[in-house]
Protein backbone atom coordinates (compact mmCIF):
# COMPACT_ATOMS: atom_id res chain seq x y z
CA MET A 1 -15.58 -61.85 3.46
CA LYS A 2 -17.84 -58.90 4.25
CA ILE A 3 -15.72 -58.04 7.27
CA LYS A 4 -12.58 -58.18 5.14
CA MET A 5 -14.10 -55.84 2.52
CA PHE A 6 -15.23 -53.47 5.28
CA LEU A 7 -11.73 -53.33 6.76
CA ILE A 8 -10.20 -52.70 3.32
CA SER A 9 -12.69 -49.89 2.68
CA LEU A 10 -11.99 -48.38 6.09
CA LEU A 11 -8.24 -48.52 5.46
CA CYS A 12 -8.62 -46.82 2.06
CA PHE A 13 -10.77 -44.08 3.59
CA THR A 14 -8.23 -43.51 6.34
CA LEU A 15 -5.37 -43.28 3.87
CA LEU A 16 -7.27 -40.88 1.64
CA SER A 17 -8.21 -38.73 4.61
CA GLY A 18 -4.63 -38.69 5.81
CA CYS A 19 -3.35 -37.64 2.40
CA LYS A 20 -5.86 -34.82 2.04
CA LYS A 21 -4.08 -31.47 2.15
CA GLU A 22 -5.23 -28.82 4.56
CA HIS A 23 -6.07 -25.45 3.06
CA PHE A 24 -5.81 -22.14 4.87
CA GLN A 25 -6.81 -18.61 3.93
CA VAL A 26 -6.13 -15.09 5.14
CA ALA A 27 -7.66 -11.81 3.99
CA THR A 28 -6.17 -8.40 3.21
CA THR A 29 -7.49 -4.93 2.39
CA VAL A 30 -4.99 -3.53 -0.12
CA TYR A 31 -2.78 -4.94 -2.87
CA PRO A 32 0.68 -4.35 -1.30
CA ILE A 33 -0.32 -6.37 1.77
CA GLN A 34 -1.56 -9.13 -0.50
CA TYR A 35 1.81 -9.06 -2.25
CA LEU A 36 3.67 -9.44 1.05
CA VAL A 37 1.54 -12.36 2.22
CA GLU A 38 1.86 -14.13 -1.13
CA ARG A 39 5.63 -13.67 -1.17
CA ILE A 40 6.00 -15.05 2.35
CA ALA A 41 3.50 -17.89 1.91
CA GLY A 42 4.91 -18.95 -1.43
CA THR A 43 3.37 -21.75 -3.47
CA TYR A 44 4.03 -24.68 -1.14
CA SER A 45 2.39 -23.64 2.11
CA ASN A 46 -1.24 -24.30 1.09
CA LEU A 47 -2.15 -20.77 2.17
CA SER A 48 -4.22 -18.55 -0.10
CA VAL A 49 -4.96 -14.81 0.10
CA GLU A 50 -8.17 -12.92 -0.63
CA THR A 51 -8.80 -9.18 -0.47
CA ILE A 52 -12.02 -7.65 0.86
CA SER A 53 -11.59 -4.31 -0.99
CA GLU A 54 -12.77 -3.51 -4.49
CA ASN A 55 -9.84 -3.02 -6.87
CA SER A 56 -9.55 0.78 -6.87
CA MET A 57 -7.63 3.62 -5.26
CA ILE A 58 -7.79 2.98 -1.54
CA GLN A 59 -9.17 6.39 -0.51
CA ARG A 60 -12.47 5.55 -2.21
CA ALA A 61 -12.34 1.79 -1.99
CA GLN A 62 -15.57 -0.02 -1.16
CA ILE A 63 -15.77 -3.28 0.70
CA LYS A 64 -16.71 -6.24 -1.51
CA ASP A 65 -20.29 -7.48 -1.43
CA ASN A 66 -19.07 -10.96 -0.48
CA TYR A 67 -16.70 -9.79 2.25
CA THR A 68 -18.50 -11.82 4.93
CA SER A 69 -17.97 -15.00 2.92
CA ILE A 70 -14.28 -14.18 2.50
CA LEU A 71 -13.85 -13.50 6.21
CA LYS A 72 -15.72 -16.64 7.28
CA ASN A 73 -13.21 -18.70 5.31
CA SER A 74 -10.19 -16.75 6.61
CA ASP A 75 -8.17 -17.05 9.78
CA ALA A 76 -6.94 -13.46 9.81
CA LEU A 77 -7.44 -10.03 8.28
CA PHE A 78 -4.28 -8.02 7.64
CA TYR A 79 -5.04 -4.30 7.38
CA ILE A 80 -3.45 -0.87 7.88
CA GLY A 81 -5.22 1.01 10.65
CA GLY A 82 -6.51 4.40 9.53
CA LEU A 83 -6.17 3.60 5.83
CA GLU A 84 -9.31 1.79 4.75
CA PRO A 85 -12.23 4.26 4.45
CA TYR A 86 -14.88 1.62 5.18
CA MET A 87 -13.23 0.03 8.20
CA ASN A 88 -14.95 2.01 10.96
CA MET A 89 -18.38 1.39 9.43
CA TYR A 90 -17.85 -2.35 9.09
CA MET A 91 -15.58 -3.04 12.06
CA GLU A 92 -18.31 -4.56 14.22
CA ASP A 93 -19.48 -6.84 11.41
CA ILE A 94 -15.89 -7.87 10.68
CA ARG A 95 -15.20 -8.77 14.30
CA GLU A 96 -18.36 -10.91 14.42
CA ASN A 97 -16.59 -13.34 12.10
CA ASP A 98 -14.25 -14.30 14.96
CA ILE A 99 -11.22 -13.48 12.85
CA ASP A 100 -7.74 -12.42 13.97
CA MET A 101 -7.27 -8.70 13.27
CA VAL A 102 -3.65 -7.80 12.46
CA ASP A 103 -3.05 -4.04 12.22
CA LEU A 104 0.19 -3.51 10.31
CA ALA A 105 0.25 0.23 11.05
CA THR A 106 0.96 -0.27 14.74
CA LYS A 107 4.75 -0.45 14.33
CA SER A 108 5.20 0.98 10.84
CA ALA A 109 3.15 4.20 10.57
CA ILE A 110 5.67 6.64 12.02
CA TYR A 111 5.50 9.70 9.74
CA LYS A 112 2.88 12.38 10.31
CA PHE A 113 0.63 13.23 7.39
CA GLU A 114 2.41 16.50 6.63
CA ARG A 115 4.83 18.17 4.29
CA TYR A 116 8.43 17.46 5.20
CA THR A 117 11.24 19.75 4.11
CA SER A 118 14.86 19.89 5.14
CA THR A 119 16.85 23.05 5.78
CA VAL A 120 20.53 23.62 6.50
CA VAL A 121 21.32 25.85 9.48
CA ASN A 122 24.96 26.39 10.48
CA GLY A 123 25.96 23.37 8.45
CA GLN A 124 23.40 21.14 10.14
CA THR A 125 20.48 19.66 8.19
CA THR A 126 17.20 19.73 10.08
CA GLY A 127 13.75 18.57 9.05
CA VAL A 128 10.69 20.79 9.24
CA GLU A 129 7.15 19.41 9.33
CA THR A 130 4.30 21.67 8.22
CA PRO A 131 0.82 21.17 6.74
CA TYR A 132 0.88 20.36 3.03
CA TYR A 133 -0.76 23.73 2.38
CA ASP A 134 -1.11 26.77 4.64
CA GLY A 135 -4.34 28.42 5.71
CA GLU A 136 -7.52 27.87 7.68
CA LEU A 137 -9.21 26.61 4.53
CA PHE A 138 -7.50 23.25 4.99
CA GLN A 139 -8.39 22.74 8.65
CA THR A 140 -11.82 21.40 7.71
CA ILE A 141 -10.40 18.50 5.68
CA GLU A 142 -10.51 15.14 7.44
CA THR A 143 -7.00 13.88 6.76
CA TYR A 144 -4.91 11.01 8.09
CA ASP A 145 -3.08 11.64 11.35
CA TYR A 146 -0.11 9.50 10.35
CA ASP A 147 0.67 8.58 6.77
CA PRO A 148 -0.69 5.04 6.31
CA LEU A 149 0.39 4.60 2.69
CA LEU A 150 3.37 2.66 3.94
CA TRP A 151 4.11 0.50 0.92
CA MET A 152 5.77 3.33 -0.99
CA ASP A 153 8.71 3.01 1.45
CA PRO A 154 10.54 -0.36 1.15
CA VAL A 155 11.72 -0.08 4.76
CA ALA A 156 8.14 0.22 5.98
CA MET A 157 7.23 -2.69 3.70
CA THR A 158 9.91 -4.77 5.40
CA SER A 159 8.50 -3.84 8.80
CA MET A 160 5.01 -4.94 7.75
CA ALA A 161 6.43 -8.13 6.25
CA SER A 162 8.10 -8.91 9.57
CA ASP A 163 4.77 -8.58 11.40
CA ILE A 164 3.09 -10.81 8.83
CA LEU A 165 5.84 -13.43 9.20
CA GLU A 166 5.48 -13.40 12.98
CA TYR A 167 1.76 -14.06 12.74
CA LEU A 168 2.01 -16.76 10.07
CA ASN A 169 4.73 -18.64 11.95
CA ALA A 170 2.62 -18.63 15.11
CA LYS A 171 -0.60 -19.62 13.31
CA TYR A 172 0.82 -22.20 10.91
CA PRO A 173 4.03 -23.53 12.54
CA GLN A 174 4.11 -26.51 10.17
CA TYR A 175 5.15 -24.10 7.41
CA ARG A 176 7.70 -22.11 9.41
CA SER A 177 10.70 -23.13 7.31
CA ILE A 178 8.90 -22.14 4.10
CA PHE A 179 7.80 -18.80 5.54
CA ASP A 180 11.26 -18.00 6.92
CA ASP A 181 13.01 -18.85 3.67
CA ASN A 182 10.58 -16.80 1.57
CA TYR A 183 10.76 -13.88 3.99
CA ASN A 184 14.55 -13.80 3.77
CA LYS A 185 14.34 -13.55 -0.02
CA LEU A 186 11.68 -10.83 0.22
CA GLU A 187 13.73 -8.90 2.76
CA LEU A 188 16.71 -8.94 0.41
CA ASP A 189 14.58 -7.70 -2.51
CA LEU A 190 13.21 -4.83 -0.43
CA ALA A 191 16.68 -3.92 0.87
CA ARG A 192 17.96 -3.70 -2.70
CA LEU A 193 14.95 -1.60 -3.69
CA ASP A 194 15.58 0.81 -0.84
CA ALA A 195 19.28 1.04 -1.70
CA ASP A 196 18.39 1.91 -5.30
CA PHE A 197 15.93 4.58 -4.15
CA GLN A 198 18.55 5.96 -1.73
CA LYS A 199 20.75 6.82 -4.72
CA ILE A 200 18.26 9.58 -5.51
CA SER A 201 18.76 11.11 -2.09
CA THR A 202 22.55 10.88 -2.15
CA ALA A 203 22.68 12.49 -5.60
CA ASN A 204 21.28 15.71 -4.09
CA GLU A 205 19.04 16.20 -7.10
CA ASN A 206 15.69 17.98 -6.91
CA ILE A 207 12.62 15.87 -7.58
CA SER A 208 9.13 17.31 -7.18
CA PHE A 209 5.75 16.45 -8.62
CA VAL A 210 2.02 16.90 -8.18
CA SER A 211 -0.16 13.87 -7.48
CA MET A 212 -3.91 13.55 -7.21
CA THR A 213 -3.76 11.12 -4.27
CA PRO A 214 -1.63 11.56 -1.14
CA SER A 215 0.11 8.26 -1.82
CA PHE A 216 3.72 9.41 -2.12
CA GLY A 217 4.23 11.26 1.17
CA ASN A 218 6.56 8.64 2.63
CA TRP A 219 9.09 9.47 -0.09
CA GLN A 220 9.67 12.89 1.48
CA LYS A 221 11.63 11.83 4.55
CA SER A 222 13.03 8.66 3.07
CA TYR A 223 14.40 10.08 -0.19
CA GLY A 224 14.05 13.86 -0.12
CA ILE A 225 11.35 13.95 -2.79
CA GLU A 226 8.89 16.87 -2.76
CA VAL A 227 5.24 15.94 -3.27
CA TYR A 228 2.18 18.11 -3.83
CA PRO A 229 -0.98 16.03 -3.30
CA ILE A 230 -4.29 17.51 -4.45
CA VAL A 231 -6.71 15.21 -2.64
CA LEU A 232 -5.87 15.41 1.06
CA SER A 233 -9.08 13.86 2.35
CA LYS A 234 -8.71 10.31 3.60
CA TYR A 235 -12.08 9.63 2.00
CA GLY A 236 -10.98 10.91 -1.41
CA ALA A 237 -13.05 14.11 -1.41
CA LEU A 238 -11.94 16.69 -3.98
CA PRO A 239 -10.69 20.07 -2.74
CA THR A 240 -13.02 23.07 -2.84
CA ALA A 241 -12.48 25.80 -5.42
CA ASP A 242 -10.83 28.02 -2.79
CA GLN A 243 -8.56 25.24 -1.56
CA LEU A 244 -7.59 24.43 -5.13
CA GLU A 245 -6.55 28.02 -5.79
CA VAL A 246 -4.17 27.91 -2.81
CA MET A 247 -2.74 24.63 -4.06
CA LYS A 248 -2.20 25.96 -7.57
CA LYS A 249 -0.44 29.04 -6.24
CA ARG A 250 1.91 26.91 -4.13
CA ILE A 251 2.65 24.65 -7.10
CA LYS A 252 3.46 27.63 -9.31
CA ASP A 253 5.51 29.40 -6.63
CA ASP A 254 7.59 26.26 -6.08
CA HIS A 255 8.11 25.80 -9.84
CA VAL A 256 6.77 22.25 -9.87
CA ARG A 257 6.79 20.91 -13.43
CA TYR A 258 5.44 17.36 -13.29
CA ILE A 259 2.24 15.55 -12.37
CA ALA A 260 1.84 11.83 -11.65
CA MET A 261 -0.43 9.92 -14.03
CA GLU A 262 -1.82 7.50 -11.46
CA ASP A 263 -3.75 4.77 -13.22
CA ASN A 264 -6.52 3.88 -10.76
CA LEU A 265 -8.32 7.21 -10.39
CA PRO A 266 -12.07 7.79 -10.61
CA GLU A 267 -13.46 9.96 -13.39
CA ASP A 268 -13.78 13.17 -11.35
CA MET A 269 -10.11 13.02 -10.35
CA VAL A 270 -9.03 12.34 -13.92
CA LYS A 271 -11.04 15.37 -15.02
CA LEU A 272 -9.45 17.59 -12.36
CA ARG A 273 -5.99 16.30 -13.23
CA LYS A 274 -6.50 17.27 -16.87
CA LYS A 275 -7.60 20.72 -15.76
CA LEU A 276 -4.41 21.15 -13.70
CA ILE A 277 -2.26 19.99 -16.62
CA ASP A 278 -3.90 22.51 -18.92
CA GLU A 279 -3.88 25.43 -16.48
CA LEU A 280 -0.42 24.94 -14.97
CA GLY A 281 1.36 23.44 -17.97
CA LEU A 282 2.34 20.36 -15.95
CA ILE A 283 4.16 17.51 -17.67
CA PRO A 284 2.51 14.08 -17.18
CA VAL A 285 4.80 11.31 -15.89
CA ASN A 286 4.01 7.68 -15.14
CA LEU A 287 3.96 7.07 -11.39
CA LYS A 288 1.71 4.46 -9.80
CA ASN A 289 0.39 4.58 -6.25
CA LEU A 290 0.07 0.76 -6.04
CA SER A 291 -2.97 0.76 -3.77
CA SER A 292 -4.41 -1.55 -6.41
CA LEU A 293 -3.01 -3.63 -9.25
CA SER A 294 -4.60 -3.01 -12.63
CA LYS A 295 -5.79 -5.90 -14.75
CA GLU A 296 -3.36 -4.83 -17.46
CA ASP A 297 -0.38 -4.92 -15.10
CA GLU A 298 -1.44 -8.26 -13.68
CA GLU A 299 -1.79 -9.78 -17.15
CA ALA A 300 1.64 -8.38 -18.04
CA GLY A 301 3.15 -10.21 -15.08
CA LYS A 302 3.94 -7.05 -13.14
CA ASP A 303 3.87 -6.85 -9.37
CA TYR A 304 4.77 -4.52 -6.52
CA LEU A 305 8.51 -4.88 -7.01
CA SER A 306 8.59 -4.39 -10.78
CA ILE A 307 6.23 -1.40 -10.62
CA MET A 308 8.29 0.25 -7.89
CA TYR A 309 11.31 -0.02 -10.16
CA GLU A 310 9.26 1.58 -12.93
CA ASN A 311 8.47 4.40 -10.49
CA LEU A 312 12.17 4.73 -9.75
CA GLU A 313 12.99 5.04 -13.44
CA THR A 314 10.48 7.87 -13.72
CA LEU A 315 11.94 9.67 -10.70
CA GLU A 316 15.44 9.40 -12.12
CA ALA A 317 14.20 10.82 -15.43
CA ILE A 318 12.64 13.93 -13.84
CA ALA A 319 15.51 14.64 -11.43
CA SER A 320 17.18 18.01 -11.94
């Protein structure tokens, strides 16, 4: 009888163990990457996503206090090389967690961190790349080499999504069909988003605005939008008084009328933005840089895609 009860108990344990679902986790550094992973993973793959950055604008983002715990429970860290301000300082500690490092900038960061303008010569349109602002004053600023704020361009988002899909399929082949199906839907959404943004470019309308962060640079080449970032430092340092005077002169000379009301700025940037609005008579418009998702937007059910369409509505409204 005892042997029979033992065998029954062993069988029950085996069945319960066999039915137990496996759980996997990956980590990210910025909200748009989290969005991509969650869209591809879906709700049926048993894969969760955690971010190691505090929820703020990425140029001043700090790594979370519990980042080591997050990484120990994760198989991979998806990041954008050159973007995260803390990465060099913590890289050795991150690698000690024996985690796969997936740099999404490798194939997708193709635009230099510069101003891009197009000119027509003999009927041919050519692009010209120059520093955002002229003068030796700006040579001391530690800027990005290539623009890593890739998520503002749906095509670059698709490229990053493709790299994420490739990794997930290799790491978790049991969920390949789920990943592939979700990726196809995501790819279609991003293609539609790009097509809608392209209508701005084909309309040949002028769109220009000031922004505190350098988050919108990828819109220059992709959609012909003129941007005037105030904070060029990849660490989020404010411009000096002399640099700011050059910036204000350029903004006035180019007759820029609008300024983006980014919602995740620290107090000193908000204060400087108000000063620019008052001094230059700039008109505030709602444009979000999406390096983080506010609690209000999350509670309202908004995500990358819906906020990008809100950005598009704003751009269409200020086109002239």
